[in-house]
């Protein structure tokens, strides 16, 4: 296998990973938007917030991995955003907040940056 072929495979793999991340964020955004509409059960609330929490935990773990190819500063910034998302999801779950709008906006920004 030539180096150029390897680069193509690695680039395709990276594009596929970004696509999966976008899909996962879109699912999370859809769930949060349902909460925003105000008609949901307690189970819907917990399930939606747990989904966002788990998703961001996985993203943070990937970003913290030494083999992650993003620049250190960008990784640190996204990790900080992820930690904020997790804290806000916890605050919503614990009814210490009812501001779903900011969570939707932040997740949209991150998702749209993955193009």
PDB file of N, CA and C in Angstrom:
ATOM      1  N   UNK A   1       0.858  -1.174   0.000  1.00  0.00           N
ATOM      2  CA  UNK A   1       0.000   0.000   0.000  1.00  0.00           C
ATOM      3  C   UNK A   1       0.902   1.233   0.000  1.00  0.00           C
ATOM      4  N   UNK A   2       0.570   2.174  -0.880  1.00  0.00           N
ATOM      5  CA  UNK A   2       1.363   3.398  -0.940  1.00  0.00           C
ATOM      6  C   UNK A   2       0.941   4.352   0.165  1.00  0.00           C
ATOM      7  N   UNK A   3       1.820   5.304   0.442  1.00  0.00           N
ATOM      8  CA  UNK A   3       1.529   6.298   1.469  1.00  0.00           C
ATOM      9  C   UNK A   3       0.297   7.107   1.088  1.00  0.00           C
ATOM     10  N   UNK A   4       0.153   7.442  -0.213  1.00  0.00           N
ATOM     11  CA  UNK A   4      -1.005   8.219  -0.671  1.00  0.00           C
ATOM     12  C   UNK A   4      -2.303   7.450  -0.425  1.00  0.00           C
ATOM     13  N   UNK A   5      -2.285   6.147  -0.656  1.00  0.00           N
ATOM     14  CA  UNK A   5      -3.476   5.333  -0.417  1.00  0.00           C
ATOM     15  C   UNK A   5      -3.808   5.309   1.074  1.00  0.00           C
ATOM     16  N   UNK A   6      -2.788   5.199   1.900  1.00  0.00           N
ATOM     17  CA  UNK A   6      -3.010   5.223   3.346  1.00  0.00           C
ATOM     18  C   UNK A   6      -3.613   6.560   3.771  1.00  0.00           C
ATOM     19  N   UNK A   7      -3.076   7.663   3.233  1.00  0.00           N
ATOM     20  CA  UNK A   7      -3.615   8.988   3.565  1.00  0.00           C
ATOM     21  C   UNK A   7      -5.085   9.103   3.180  1.00  0.00           C
ATOM     22  N   UNK A   8      -5.445   8.549   2.025  1.00  0.00           N
ATOM     23  CA  UNK A   8      -6.840   8.589   1.574  1.00  0.00           C
ATOM     24  C   UNK A   8      -7.733   7.822   2.533  1.00  0.00           C
ATOM     25  N   UNK A   9      -7.287   6.647   2.946  1.00  0.00           N
ATOM     26  CA  UNK A   9      -8.071   5.835   3.889  1.00  0.00           C
ATOM     27  C   UNK A   9      -8.200   6.563   5.220  1.00  0.00           C
ATOM     28  N   UNK A  10      -7.116   7.139   5.710  1.00  0.00           N
ATOM     29  CA  UNK A  10      -7.143   7.864   6.983  1.00  0.00           C
ATOM     30  C   UNK A  10      -8.071   9.066   6.886  1.00  0.00           C
ATOM     31  N   UNK A  11      -8.028   9.781   5.752  1.00  0.00           N
ATOM     32  CA  UNK A  11      -8.903  10.942   5.582  1.00  0.00           C
ATOM     33  C   UNK A  11     -10.368  10.516   5.521  1.00  0.00           C
ATOM     34  N   UNK A  12     -10.655   9.425   4.778  1.00  0.00           N
ATOM     35  CA  UNK A  12     -12.028   8.912   4.709  1.00  0.00           C
ATOM     36  C   UNK A  12     -12.516   8.510   6.089  1.00  0.00           C
ATOM     37  N   UNK A  13     -11.649   7.860   6.857  1.00  0.00           N
ATOM     38  CA  UNK A  13     -12.000   7.432   8.202  1.00  0.00           C
ATOM     39  C   UNK A  13     -12.316   8.638   9.078  1.00  0.00           C
ATOM     40  N   UNK A  14     -11.542   9.699   8.943  1.00  0.00           N
ATOM     41  CA  UNK A  14     -11.766  10.916   9.708  1.00  0.00           C
ATOM     42  C   UNK A  14     -13.097  11.558   9.312  1.00  0.00           C
ATOM     43  N   UNK A  15     -13.395  11.561   8.022  1.00  0.00           N
ATOM     44  CA  UNK A  15     -14.668  12.122   7.553  1.00  0.00           C
ATOM     45  C   UNK A  15     -15.842  11.311   8.068  1.00  0.00           C
ATOM     46  N   UNK A  16     -15.689   9.990   8.081  1.00  0.00           N
ATOM     47  CA  UNK A  16     -16.749   9.129   8.607  1.00  0.00           C
ATOM     48  C   UNK A  16     -16.957   9.376  10.102  1.00  0.00           C
ATOM     49  N   UNK A  17     -15.876   9.543  10.838  1.00  0.00           N
ATOM     50  CA  UNK A  17     -15.977   9.808  12.276  1.00  0.00           C
ATOM     51  C   UNK A  17     -16.703  11.124  12.517  1.00  0.00           C
ATOM     52  N   UNK A  18     -16.352  12.154  11.757  1.00  0.00           N
ATOM     53  CA  UNK A  18     -17.023  13.446  11.907  1.00  0.00           C
ATOM     54  C   UNK A  18     -18.505  13.331  11.565  1.00  0.00           C
ATOM     55  N   UNK A  19     -18.807  12.544  10.554  1.00  0.00           N
ATOM     56  CA  UNK A  19     -20.202  12.342  10.165  1.00  0.00           C
ATOM     57  C   UNK A  19     -20.987  11.664  11.288  1.00  0.00           C
ATOM     58  N   UNK A  20     -20.375  10.661  11.910  1.00  0.00           N
ATOM     59  CA  UNK A  20     -21.032   9.978  13.036  1.00  0.00           C
ATOM     60  C   UNK A  20     -21.215  10.931  14.221  1.00  0.00           C
ATOM     61  N   UNK A  21     -20.215  11.763  14.474  1.00  0.00           N
ATOM     62  CA  UNK A  21     -20.326  12.738  15.559  1.00  0.00           C
ATOM     63  C   UNK A  21     -21.454  13.728  15.273  1.00  0.00           C
ATOM     64  N   UNK A  22     -21.549  14.174  14.019  1.00  0.00           N
ATOM     65  CA  UNK A  22     -22.640  15.088  13.633  1.00  0.00           C
ATOM     66  C   UNK A  22     -23.995  14.423  13.843  1.00  0.00           C
ATOM     67  N   UNK A  23     -24.109  13.159  13.438  1.00  0.00           N
ATOM     68  CA  UNK A  23     -25.372  12.438  13.612  1.00  0.00           C
ATOM     69  C   UNK A  23     -25.733  12.321  15.086  1.00  0.00           C
ATOM     70  N   UNK A  24     -24.767  11.982  15.908  1.00  0.00           N
ATOM     71  CA  UNK A  24     -25.019  11.833  17.344  1.00  0.00           C
ATOM     72  C   UNK A  24     -25.443  13.173  17.955  1.00  0.00           C
ATOM     73  N   UNK A  25     -24.785  14.251  17.557  1.00  0.00           N
ATOM     74  CA  UNK A  25     -25.161  15.570  18.066  1.00  0.00           C
ATOM     75  C   UNK A  25     -26.553  15.965  17.579  1.00  0.00           C
ATOM     76  N   UNK A  26     -26.891  15.626  16.344  1.00  0.00           N
ATOM     77  CA  UNK A  26     -28.224  15.928  15.815  1.00  0.00           C
ATOM     78  C   UNK A  26     -29.300  15.208  16.622  1.00  0.00           C
ATOM     79  N   UNK A  27     -29.059  13.963  16.967  1.00  0.00           N
ATOM     80  CA  UNK A  27     -30.011  13.219  17.801  1.00  0.00           C
ATOM     81  C   UNK A  27     -30.168  13.919  19.154  1.00  0.00           C
ATOM     82  N   UNK A  28     -29.060  14.312  19.748  1.00  0.00           N
ATOM     83  CA  UNK A  28     -29.107  15.016  21.028  1.00  0.00           C
ATOM     84  C   UNK A  28     -29.852  16.335  20.931  1.00  0.00           C
ATOM     85  N   UNK A  29     -29.606  17.079  19.862  1.00  0.00           N
ATOM     86  CA  UNK A  29     -30.291  18.359  19.656  1.00  0.00           C
ATOM     87  C   UNK A  29     -31.794  18.128  19.518  1.00  0.00           C
ATOM     88  N   UNK A  30     -32.174  17.119  18.729  1.00  0.00           N
ATOM     89  CA  UNK A  30     -33.604  16.798  18.570  1.00  0.00           C
ATOM     90  C   UNK A  30     -34.246  16.491  19.916  1.00  0.00           C
ATOM     91  N   UNK A  31     -33.550  15.725  20.739  1.00  0.00           N
ATOM     92  CA  UNK A  31     -34.081  15.383  22.066  1.00  0.00           C
ATOM     93  C   UNK A  31     -34.224  16.623  22.938  1.00  0.00           C
ATOM     94  N   UNK A  32     -33.215  17.490  22.901  1.00  0.00           N
ATOM     95  CA  UNK A  32     -33.274  18.718  23.696  1.00  0.00           C
ATOM     96  C   UNK A  32     -34.387  19.641  23.211  1.00  0.00           C
ATOM     97  N   UNK A  33     -34.582  19.705  21.900  1.00  0.00           N
ATOM     98  CA  UNK A  33     -35.638  20.561  21.361  1.00  0.00           C
ATOM     99  C   UNK A  33     -37.020  20.077  21.811  1.00  0.00           C
ATOM    100  N   UNK A  34     -37.194  18.775  21.951  1.00  0.00           N
ATOM    101  CA  UNK A  34     -38.466  18.256  22.471  1.00  0.00           C
ATOM    102  C   UNK A  34     -38.686  18.744  23.902  1.00  0.00           C
ATOM    103  N   UNK A  35     -37.603  18.819  24.672  1.00  0.00           N
ATOM    104  CA  UNK A  35     -37.716  19.343  26.037  1.00  0.00           C
ATOM    105  C   UNK A  35     -38.079  20.824  26.008  1.00  0.00           C
ATOM    106  N   UNK A  36     -37.527  21.529  25.027  1.00  0.00           N
ATOM    107  CA  UNK A  36     -37.780  22.953  24.880  1.00  0.00           C
ATOM    108  C   UNK A  36     -39.267  23.216  24.635  1.00  0.00           C
ATOM    109  N   UNK A  37     -39.926  22.299  23.912  1.00  0.00           N
ATOM    110  CA  UNK A  37     -41.342  22.463  23.595  1.00  0.00           C
ATOM    111  C   UNK A  37     -42.218  22.380  24.835  1.00  0.00           C
ATOM    112  N   UNK A  38     -41.699  21.798  25.908  1.00  0.00           N
ATOM    113  CA  UNK A  38     -42.400  21.814  27.189  1.00  0.00           C
ATOM    114  C   UNK A  38     -43.335  20.657  27.471  1.00  0.00           C
ATOM    115  N   UNK A  39     -43.606  19.800  26.498  1.00  0.00           N
ATOM    116  CA  UNK A  39     -44.506  18.663  26.733  1.00  0.00           C
ATOM    117  C   UNK A  39     -43.657  17.389  26.746  1.00  0.00           C
ATOM    118  N   UNK A  40     -43.292  16.964  27.943  1.00  0.00           N
ATOM    119  CA  UNK A  40     -42.454  15.776  28.075  1.00  0.00           C
ATOM    120  C   UNK A  40     -42.664  15.175  29.453  1.00  0.00           C
ATOM    121  N   UNK A  41     -42.388  13.890  29.525  1.00  0.00           N
ATOM    122  CA  UNK A  41     -42.477  13.208  30.817  1.00  0.00           C
ATOM    123  C   UNK A  41     -41.137  13.328  31.538  1.00  0.00           C
ATOM    124  N   UNK A  42     -41.140  12.978  32.801  1.00  0.00           N
ATOM    125  CA  UNK A  42     -39.896  12.972  33.560  1.00  0.00           C
ATOM    126  C   UNK A  42     -38.912  11.969  32.954  1.00  0.00           C
ATOM    127  N   UNK A  43     -39.426  10.848  32.460  1.00  0.00           N
ATOM    128  CA  UNK A  43     -38.569   9.844  31.821  1.00  0.00           C
ATOM    129  C   UNK A  43     -37.916  10.418  30.561  1.00  0.00           C
ATOM    130  N   UNK A  44     -38.677  11.204  29.767  1.00  0.00           N
ATOM    131  CA  UNK A  44     -38.113  11.849  28.576  1.00  0.00           C
ATOM    132  C   UNK A  44     -36.988  12.799  28.957  1.00  0.00           C
ATOM    133  N   UNK A  45     -37.213  13.561  30.009  1.00  0.00           N
ATOM    134  CA  UNK A  45     -36.211  14.511  30.485  1.00  0.00           C
ATOM    135  C   UNK A  45     -34.926  13.782  30.861  1.00  0.00           C
ATOM    136  N   UNK A  46     -35.054  12.773  31.690  1.00  0.00           N
ATOM    137  CA  UNK A  46     -33.872  12.035  32.160  1.00  0.00           C
ATOM    138  C   UNK A  46     -33.168  11.351  30.986  1.00  0.00           C
ATOM    139  N   UNK A  47     -33.933  10.719  30.104  1.00  0.00           N
ATOM    140  CA  UNK A  47     -33.343  10.002  28.960  1.00  0.00           C
ATOM    141  C   UNK A  47     -32.600  10.971  28.031  1.00  0.00           C
ATOM    142  N   UNK A  48     -33.203  12.108  27.754  1.00  0.00           N
ATOM    143  CA  UNK A  48     -32.578  13.087  26.854  1.00  0.00           C
ATOM    144  C   UNK A  48     -31.307  13.666  27.459  1.00  0.00           C
ATOM    145  N   UNK A  49     -31.359  14.019  28.717  1.00  0.00           N
ATOM    146  CA  UNK A  49     -30.185  14.604  29.363  1.00  0.00           C
ATOM    147  C   UNK A  49     -29.080  13.575  29.568  1.00  0.00           C
ATOM    148  N   UNK A  50     -29.459  12.336  29.833  1.00  0.00           N
ATOM    149  CA  UNK A  50     -28.456  11.271  29.945  1.00  0.00           C
ATOM    150  C   UNK A  50     -27.773  11.028  28.606  1.00  0.00           C
ATOM    151  N   UNK A  51     -28.540  11.088  27.529  1.00  0.00           N
ATOM    152  CA  UNK A  51     -27.963  10.916  26.189  1.00  0.00           C
ATOM    153  C   UNK A  51     -26.898  11.985  25.949  1.00  0.00           C
ATOM    154  N   UNK A  52     -27.246  13.242  26.208  1.00  0.00           N
ATOM    155  CA  UNK A  52     -26.296  14.347  26.000  1.00  0.00           C
ATOM    156  C   UNK A  52     -25.069  14.176  26.889  1.00  0.00           C
ATOM    157  N   UNK A  53     -25.292  13.782  28.114  1.00  0.00           N
ATOM    158  CA  UNK A  53     -24.189  13.581  29.061  1.00  0.00           C
ATOM    159  C   UNK A  53     -23.241  12.485  28.578  1.00  0.00           C
ATOM    160  N   UNK A  54     -23.812  11.353  28.164  1.00  0.00           N
ATOM    161  CA  UNK A  54     -22.987  10.235  27.678  1.00  0.00           C
ATOM    162  C   UNK A  54     -22.244  10.618  26.399  1.00  0.00           C
ATOM    163  N   UNK A  55     -22.939  11.296  25.497  1.00  0.00           N
ATOM    164  CA  UNK A  55     -22.310  11.714  24.241  1.00  0.00           C
ATOM    165  C   UNK A  55     -21.108  12.605  24.512  1.00  0.00           C
ATOM    166  N   UNK A  56     -21.279  13.615  25.357  1.00  0.00           N
ATOM    167  CA  UNK A  56     -20.178  14.523  25.644  1.00  0.00           C
ATOM    168  C   UNK A  56     -19.069  13.855  26.448  1.00  0.00           C
ATOM    169  N   UNK A  57     -19.407  12.893  27.266  1.00  0.00           N
ATOM    170  CA  UNK A  57     -18.375  12.142  27.978  1.00  0.00           C
ATOM    171  C   UNK A  57     -17.493  11.395  26.983  1.00  0.00           C
ATOM    172  N   UNK A  58     -18.111  10.775  25.991  1.00  0.00           N
ATOM    173  CA  UNK A  58     -17.352  10.073  24.952  1.00  0.00           C
ATOM    174  C   UNK A  58     -16.504  11.047  24.130  1.00  0.00           C
ATOM    175  N   UNK A  59     -17.082  12.181  23.759  1.00  0.00           N
ATOM    176  CA  UNK A  59     -16.325  13.173  22.985  1.00  0.00           C
ATOM    177  C   UNK A  59     -15.131  13.691  23.785  1.00  0.00           C
ATOM    178  N   UNK A  60     -15.339  13.959  25.063  1.00  0.00           N
ATOM    179  CA  UNK A  60     -14.248  14.443  25.918  1.00  0.00           C
ATOM    180  C   UNK A  60     -13.148  13.387  26.036  1.00  0.00           C
ATOM    181  N   UNK A  61     -13.543  12.133  26.204  1.00  0.00           N
ATOM    182  CA  UNK A  61     -12.539  11.060  26.288  1.00  0.00           C
ATOM    183  C   UNK A  61     -11.723  10.989  25.007  1.00  0.00           C
ATOM    184  N   UNK A  62     -12.385  11.120  23.863  1.00  0.00           N
ATOM    185  CA  UNK A  62     -11.677  11.094  22.582  1.00  0.00           C
ATOM    186  C   UNK A  62     -10.738  12.291  22.460  1.00  0.00           C
ATOM    187  N   UNK A  63     -11.218  13.458  22.846  1.00  0.00           N
ATOM    188  CA  UNK A  63     -10.390  14.661  22.759  1.00  0.00           C
ATOM    189  C   UNK A  63      -9.181  14.592  23.692  1.00  0.00           C
ATOM    190  N   UNK A  64      -9.343  13.943  24.831  1.00  0.00           N
ATOM    191  CA  UNK A  64      -8.260  13.854  25.809  1.00  0.00           C
ATOM    192  C   UNK A  64      -7.224  12.784  25.438  1.00  0.00           C
ATOM    193  N   UNK A  65      -7.562  11.928  24.490  1.00  0.00           N
ATOM    194  CA  UNK A  65      -6.637  10.856  24.102  1.00  0.00           C
ATOM    195  C   UNK A  65      -5.414  11.456  23.408  1.00  0.00           C
ATOM    196  N   UNK A  66      -4.215  10.984  23.771  1.00  0.00           N
ATOM    197  CA  UNK A  66      -2.984  11.549  23.205  1.00  0.00           C
ATOM    198  C   UNK A  66      -2.886  11.408  21.683  1.00  0.00           C
ATOM    199  N   UNK A  67      -3.590  10.446  21.094  1.00  0.00           N
ATOM    200  CA  UNK A  67      -3.525  10.253  19.645  1.00  0.00           C
ATOM    201  C   UNK A  67      -4.490  11.153  18.878  1.00  0.00           C
ATOM    202  N   UNK A  68      -5.297  11.938  19.591  1.00  0.00           N
ATOM    203  CA  UNK A  68      -6.225  12.834  18.914  1.00  0.00           C
ATOM    204  C   UNK A  68      -5.415  13.863  18.131  1.00  0.00           C
ATOM    205  N   UNK A  69      -5.743  14.051  16.867  1.00  0.00           N
ATOM    206  CA  UNK A  69      -4.946  14.894  15.980  1.00  0.00           C
ATOM    207  C   UNK A  69      -5.257  16.372  16.004  1.00  0.00           C
ATOM    208  N   UNK A  70      -6.256  16.789  16.762  1.00  0.00           N
ATOM    209  CA  UNK A  70      -6.568  18.215  16.816  1.00  0.00           C
ATOM    210  C   UNK A  70      -5.501  18.969  17.600  1.00  0.00           C
ATOM    211  N   UNK A  71      -5.334  20.247  17.283  1.00  0.00           N
ATOM    212  CA  UNK A  71      -4.370  21.061  18.042  1.00  0.00           C
ATOM    213  C   UNK A  71      -4.771  21.122  19.521  1.00  0.00           C
ATOM    214  N   UNK A  72      -3.765  21.175  20.381  1.00  0.00           N
ATOM    215  CA  UNK A  72      -3.992  21.150  21.836  1.00  0.00           C
ATOM    216  C   UNK A  72      -4.974  22.217  22.299  1.00  0.00           C
ATOM    217  N   UNK A  73      -4.841  23.435  21.814  1.00  0.00           N
ATOM    218  CA  UNK A  73      -5.709  24.535  22.239  1.00  0.00           C
ATOM    219  C   UNK A  73      -7.159  24.263  21.852  1.00  0.00           C
ATOM    220  N   UNK A  74      -7.382  23.795  20.641  1.00  0.00           N
ATOM    221  CA  UNK A  74      -8.733  23.482  20.184  1.00  0.00           C
ATOM    222  C   UNK A  74      -9.325  22.350  21.010  1.00  0.00           C
ATOM    223  N   UNK A  75      -8.522  21.330  21.267  1.00  0.00           N
ATOM    224  CA  UNK A  75      -8.987  20.210  22.097  1.00  0.00           C
ATOM    225  C   UNK A  75      -9.393  20.708  23.482  1.00  0.00           C
ATOM    226  N   UNK A  76      -8.562  21.528  24.077  1.00  0.00           N
ATOM    227  CA  UNK A  76      -8.850  22.062  25.421  1.00  0.00           C
ATOM    228  C   UNK A  76     -10.132  22.894  25.409  1.00  0.00           C
ATOM    229  N   UNK A  77     -10.308  23.700  24.369  1.00  0.00           N
ATOM    230  CA  UNK A  77     -11.514  24.531  24.277  1.00  0.00           C
ATOM    231  C   UNK A  77     -12.772  23.674  24.156  1.00  0.00           C
ATOM    232  N   UNK A  78     -12.717  22.642  23.324  1.00  0.00           N
ATOM    233  CA  UNK A  78     -13.889  21.774  23.137  1.00  0.00           C
ATOM    234  C   UNK A  78     -14.155  20.965  24.406  1.00  0.00           C
ATOM    235  N   UNK A  79     -13.109  20.530  25.075  1.00  0.00           N
ATOM    236  CA  UNK A  79     -13.290  19.822  26.352  1.00  0.00           C
ATOM    237  C   UNK A  79     -13.982  20.749  27.357  1.00  0.00           C
ATOM    238  N   UNK A  80     -13.574  22.004  27.421  1.00  0.00           N
ATOM    239  CA  UNK A  80     -14.219  22.962  28.332  1.00  0.00           C
ATOM    240  C   UNK A  80     -15.699  23.120  28.001  1.00  0.00           C
ATOM    241  N   UNK A  81     -16.005  23.203  26.719  1.00  0.00           N
ATOM    242  CA  UNK A  81     -17.404  23.296  26.297  1.00  0.00           C
ATOM    243  C   UNK A  81     -18.154  22.039  26.720  1.00  0.00           C
ATOM    244  N   UNK A  82     -17.554  20.884  26.507  1.00  0.00           N
ATOM    245  CA  UNK A  82     -18.181  19.617  26.888  1.00  0.00           C
ATOM    246  C   UNK A  82     -18.460  19.520  28.375  1.00  0.00           C
ATOM    247  N   UNK A  83     -17.521  19.978  29.182  1.00  0.00           N
ATOM    248  CA  UNK A  83     -17.727  19.965  30.633  1.00  0.00           C
ATOM    249  C   UNK A  83     -18.872  20.885  31.026  1.00  0.00           C
ATOM    250  N   UNK A  84     -18.971  22.037  30.344  1.00  0.00           N
ATOM    251  CA  UNK A  84     -20.082  22.951  30.599  1.00  0.00           C
ATOM    252  C   UNK A  84     -21.411  22.297  30.224  1.00  0.00           C
ATOM    253  N   UNK A  85     -21.449  21.625  29.065  1.00  0.00           N
ATOM    254  CA  UNK A  85     -22.673  20.948  28.623  1.00  0.00           C
ATOM    255  C   UNK A  85     -23.100  19.912  29.655  1.00  0.00           C
ATOM    256  N   UNK A  86     -22.163  19.131  30.148  1.00  0.00           N
ATOM    257  CA  UNK A  86     -22.480  18.107  31.154  1.00  0.00           C
ATOM    258  C   UNK A  86     -23.019  18.755  32.425  1.00  0.00           C
ATOM    259  N   UNK A  87     -22.371  19.828  32.879  1.00  0.00           N
ATOM    260  CA  UNK A  87     -22.851  20.528  34.085  1.00  0.00           C
ATOM    261  C   UNK A  87     -24.263  21.078  33.887  1.00  0.00           C
ATOM    262  N   UNK A  88     -24.512  21.673  32.721  1.00  0.00           N
ATOM    263  CA  UNK A  88     -25.838  22.234  32.448  1.00  0.00           C
ATOM    264  C   UNK A  88     -26.895  21.139  32.352  1.00  0.00           C
ATOM    265  N   UNK A  89     -26.550  20.010  31.751  1.00  0.00           N
ATOM    266  CA  UNK A  89     -27.486  18.884  31.678  1.00  0.00           C
ATOM    267  C   UNK A  89     -27.816  18.394  33.085  1.00  0.00           C
ATOM    268  N   UNK A  90     -26.817  18.325  33.937  1.00  0.00           N
ATOM    269  CA  UNK A  90     -27.045  17.923  35.328  1.00  0.00           C
ATOM    270  C   UNK A  90     -27.937  18.931  36.050  1.00  0.00           C
ATOM    271  N   UNK A  91     -27.694  20.229  35.816  1.00  0.00           N
ATOM    272  CA  UNK A  91     -28.527  21.260  36.452  1.00  0.00           C
ATOM    273  C   UNK A  91     -29.988  21.145  36.000  1.00  0.00           C
ATOM    274  N   UNK A  92     -30.203  20.864  34.724  1.00  0.00           N
ATOM    275  CA  UNK A  92     -31.566  20.684  34.223  1.00  0.00           C
ATOM    276  C   UNK A  92     -32.222  19.455  34.854  1.00  0.00           C
ATOM    277  N   UNK A  93     -31.462  18.378  34.921  1.00  0.00           N
ATOM    278  CA  UNK A  93     -31.990  17.132  35.497  1.00  0.00           C
ATOM    279  C   UNK A  93     -32.361  17.314  36.958  1.00  0.00           C
ATOM    280  N   UNK A  94     -31.563  18.107  37.653  1.00  0.00           N
ATOM    281  CA  UNK A  94     -31.802  18.356  39.080  1.00  0.00           C
ATOM    282  C   UNK A  94     -32.773  19.517  39.301  1.00  0.00           C
ATOM    283  N   UNK A  95     -33.359  20.031  38.243  1.00  0.00           N
ATOM    284  CA  UNK A  95     -34.291  21.173  38.231  1.00  0.00           C
ATOM    285  C   UNK A  95     -33.703  22.434  38.866  1.00  0.00           C
ATOM    286  N   UNK A  96     -32.403  22.600  38.775  1.00  0.00           N
ATOM    287  CA  UNK A  96     -31.765  23.837  39.229  1.00  0.00           C
ATOM    288  C   UNK A  96     -31.696  24.848  38.081  1.00  0.00           C
ATOM    289  N   UNK A  97     -32.151  24.409  36.906  1.00  0.00           N
ATOM    290  CA  UNK A  97     -32.192  25.262  35.732  1.00  0.00           C
ATOM    291  C   UNK A  97     -33.324  24.764  34.835  1.00  0.00           C
ATOM    292  N   UNK A  98     -33.816  25.643  33.981  1.00  0.00           N
ATOM    293  CA  UNK A  98     -34.799  25.221  32.987  1.00  0.00           C
ATOM    294  C   UNK A  98     -34.452  25.799  31.622  1.00  0.00           C
ATOM    295  N   UNK A  99     -33.187  26.167  31.438  1.00  0.00           N
ATOM    296  CA  UNK A  99     -32.722  26.809  30.212  1.00  0.00           C
ATOM    297  C   UNK A  99     -32.143  25.778  29.241  1.00  0.00           C
ATOM    298  N   UNK A 100     -33.017  25.212  28.432  1.00  0.00           N
ATOM    299  CA  UNK A 100     -32.595  24.232  27.430  1.00  0.00           C
ATOM    300  C   UNK A 100     -32.037  24.945  26.202  1.00  0.00           C
ATOM    301  N   UNK A 101     -32.449  26.180  25.992  1.00  0.00           N
ATOM    302  CA  UNK A 101     -32.071  26.931  24.790  1.00  0.00           C
ATOM    303  C   UNK A 101     -30.559  27.000  24.617  1.00  0.00           C
ATOM    304  N   UNK A 102     -29.837  27.322  25.673  1.00  0.00           N
ATOM    305  CA  UNK A 102     -28.368  27.427  25.566  1.00  0.00           C
ATOM    306  C   UNK A 102     -27.726  26.089  25.221  1.00  0.00           C
ATOM    307  N   UNK A 103     -28.255  25.001  25.782  1.00  0.00           N
ATOM    308  CA  UNK A 103     -27.721  23.676  25.449  1.00  0.00           C
ATOM    309  C   UNK A 103     -27.938  23.362  23.968  1.00  0.00           C
ATOM    310  N   UNK A 104     -29.101  23.686  23.463  1.00  0.00           N
ATOM    311  CA  UNK A 104     -29.389  23.451  22.040  1.00  0.00           C
ATOM    312  C   UNK A 104     -28.428  24.278  21.182  1.00  0.00           C
ATOM    313  N   UNK A 105     -28.277  25.542  21.519  1.00  0.00           N
ATOM    314  CA  UNK A 105     -27.421  26.435  20.733  1.00  0.00           C
ATOM    315  C   UNK A 105     -25.973  25.959  20.695  1.00  0.00           C
ATOM    316  N   UNK A 106     -25.434  25.611  21.842  1.00  0.00           N
ATOM    317  CA  UNK A 106     -24.036  25.155  21.911  1.00  0.00           C
ATOM    318  C   UNK A 106     -23.843  23.867  21.121  1.00  0.00           C
ATOM    319  N   UNK A 107     -24.758  22.918  21.282  1.00  0.00           N
ATOM    320  CA  UNK A 107     -24.644  21.659  20.550  1.00  0.00           C
ATOM    321  C   UNK A 107     -24.771  21.879  19.046  1.00  0.00           C
ATOM    322  N   UNK A 108     -25.623  22.807  18.638  1.00  0.00           N
ATOM    323  CA  UNK A 108     -25.743  23.144  17.207  1.00  0.00           C
ATOM    324  C   UNK A 108     -24.437  23.734  16.677  1.00  0.00           C
ATOM    325  N   UNK A 109     -23.847  24.652  17.434  1.00  0.00           N
ATOM    326  CA  UNK A 109     -22.594  25.272  17.012  1.00  0.00           C
ATOM    327  C   UNK A 109     -21.494  24.228  16.809  1.00  0.00           C
ATOM    328  N   UNK A 110     -21.379  23.322  17.762  1.00  0.00           N
ATOM    329  CA  UNK A 110     -20.353  22.282  17.664  1.00  0.00           C
ATOM    330  C   UNK A 110     -20.656  21.365  16.479  1.00  0.00           C
ATOM    331  N   UNK A 111     -21.905  20.934  16.360  1.00  0.00           N
ATOM    332  CA  UNK A 111     -22.288  20.059  15.245  1.00  0.00           C
ATOM    333  C   UNK A 111     -21.976  20.711  13.900  1.00  0.00           C
ATOM    334  N   UNK A 112     -22.365  21.973  13.756  1.00  0.00           N
ATOM    335  CA  UNK A 112     -22.176  22.654  12.479  1.00  0.00           C
ATOM    336  C   UNK A 112     -20.706  22.891  12.170  1.00  0.00           C
ATOM    337  N   UNK A 113     -19.871  22.956  13.189  1.00  0.00           N
ATOM    338  CA  UNK A 113     -18.423  23.131  12.977  1.00  0.00           C
ATOM    339  C   UNK A 113     -17.763  21.845  12.480  1.00  0.00           C
ATOM    340  N   UNK A 114     -18.461  20.723  12.573  1.00  0.00           N
ATOM    341  CA  UNK A 114     -17.880  19.441  12.164  1.00  0.00           C
ATOM    342  C   UNK A 114     -18.011  19.150  10.672  1.00  0.00           C
ATOM    343  N   UNK A 115     -18.381  20.127   9.896  1.00  0.00           N
ATOM    344  CA  UNK A 115     -18.557  19.911   8.451  1.00  0.00           C
ATOM    345  C   UNK A 115     -17.259  19.790   7.741  1.00  0.00           C
TER     346      UNK A 115
END
